[in-house]
Amino acid sequence: MNPSHDDQAATRRFEPHESFFDAQRRNRRATWRMSVLCLFAVLILGIPLTLVITPLVYAGTLIVADIVNYFSPLPPEFWQSVHVLARLAVRVGDFLFNHKLVDPEILALGALVVLVPGIVISLFLWLGLVALLRRGGVGGALLSINAREPSRSDLKELQVADVVEEMAIAAGLPAPRVMLVDAPVANAAAIGTSPADARVVVSRRLLDDLNRDELEGVLAHLVASIGNGDLKIAFLVTSVFETCGLLVTLINSPFGGQARGTVWRILRYGFARPGDDAGRAREAEAVADLLNRYTNMATSDIDQFFNSSSQKPSFIKRVLRFIFFPIFFTNAAIEITLWFFTFAVVGPSIALLWRTRQYLADAGAVQFTRNPDGLASGLEKLNADGGAFPGGEWAWHLFIVSPGRGDRMSQAQPTAEQAARMASAWAATAKQESAPAPGSAPVDFARLRAEITDTQRAAFHGDAQAMARLVAFDRAMSAARGEPLGNIPDPADIIAALHRDPAAIARLRARSRQESAQVQGKKDMSSTGLQSKSFLSFHPPLKRRLKRLQRMGAHVLVESLDKRTIKFAVVIGMILTPLFALLVGLFLVVVGMMAMLNLLFLGIWLAAIHAIFTLLAGHH
């Protein structure tokens, strides 16, 4: 029988219009273009940042020189060099403010004097920080998301390791280790700094939601991403932002214990003797988290030093605030510069680069599996059930699909297999009940949750038997690789606390403070990922990914935009683009004015301090 006209049209519709090799070449060319854009964005960020940092460096150097000269006079050649630099600064200032003609060589020399110190310091700090963080490996990251090894008794978990090994062989890479996360969301990510220490992290629910072809497509994407060098790119980009955090930390360190504690922790980690891998990785992760907080416009030590407190500040503190006001202005200029250029320029440029890497990994997955349908179907399912692993918000950009639905994690329903494990474990904790056979009947999860809630309520009203059952249930769920209730307090402490035992109450309060600190740490970590540095998502829209997979032969239907929608988007773009350019231009003017005011404040500050030391030296 001859195929119908509709069947022939459908066949033509899903014929590959682009091979995966062509798609990879196209995305690699796009990567080069986006890399140039990112380099340009970093330079735009670096120039105003350097204009703010370099005067502070000169100021600190001159103050130290004045202090040393007071006790041990410095050679006259040093002060002659200082006067030469001062005259150069005056001539450049006349050119900028009074429009006086200056020799171009003088301007070029002035630019070098202003830019080179800041560039050298920033580069030195970046290289040192990269070396420190690379020592930590990925152990701290795995600990933050509670990743575990695959269970040898679970065939699905063993299958994941086999599939990853197959994809690694196809990519010509060493097989990355597979880690599982017991999370109520379906997602996966590749973490690490290079193929040598790469880890493929998969949520346990993903294994229940995807079939074999979909699982191969998703894991092939992660292996292709590792082979393309995406982990190294992500590590270097993250280190750039953390270097900015280190600069802010160093400026804040004279004004508060929080910044000094961070600096001390970095030094202690850098000079510590090699210890256990887990401890070193955990320390590296903590250092990275602390540095990231300083780039998110959070209240810093210098802000707390200058902000008026509830009590009237003492006379000495008011004097210190007046003396160190130029440092406060310098810190404010750096923070505002970092915030604007990171969020509006550097972050979106890196997001666009990362999108091309996602497209490139999709094409690589099609090459390894020769099955674009598997990846397309897997992406559709993960887009519906995806989210971030608890404690893994920092790795937002590393997930295969956007974890934007991570706020639904607490309301996420377990899979049928997870619900069956919970019902079996709960029934096993009751002496009068026997554990149901897995899969014998569908689980009424609402009734099960209500029964567990009633038991919890009874336990916290002093029912020792209810508390003992909760503890047994938590242990059974942990042993079954399910969703544990968490570390339940000792029933004896709860019963004793109800009878006003001071020791038991103290233990429960200490436990509550520890859990609150852990929860707050996870909340803070949600603002430390690369996604927080950009208003543009690091993940391309699902429709665009599916449309590109369709061009490679995937049997998916992607709705095209109608002409009205396209025209509306073009009009909106034509309106918003000039407004955004105007906003950027205005902010550049503001940053320039802040840089000039910073020079003015520091100049007056230095002149006053230098005059005081000169007067003291004359009397001395």
Foldseek 3Di string as FASTA:
>chain_A
DDDDPVVVVLVVLQDFQDALVRLLVVLVVVLVVLVVQLVVLVVVLQPLLLLLVLLVVVLVVLLVQLVCCLVPNDDVVVVVVVVVLVVLVVVVVCCVPVVDDDDVVSVVVNSCSRRVVSVVVLVVLLVVLLVLLLLLKCLQVCVLLVWAAFDPVDPLSVVLQVLQCLLCVLLVADRAGETEGAFQFFWWFWETQASVRIYIYTYPVNSVQADPLLSSLQSLLRSLLRSVRVNNVQSSVLSSQLSLLLVLLVLLCVQDDLSVVLVVLSVCLVPPDDDDSNVNNSSSVVSSLSSLVSQQPDDTRVNVLQDQDPDGDDPVSVVVCVLCVLSVLSSVLSNVSSQCSLAPRNLVSVLSSLQSSLSSSSSSSCVSSVALQSNLVSQVSNVVRPAARQSRLQCQLRINAGRPVNVCRVVRDHDQQLLLQLQQLLQVLDPVGHGDDPPPDGDPSVVVVVVLVVLVVVLLVQDLSSVVSLVSSQVSCVVVSHDHPPDDDDSVLSNVVVVVDPVSVVVVVVVVVVVVVSVVSSVSSNCRHSCVSYPDHSHDDSLVSVVSSSSNRHSDDRDDDDPVVVVVVVVVCVVVVVVVVVVVVVVVVVSVVSSVVSSVVSVVSSVVSSVVSVVSSVVD
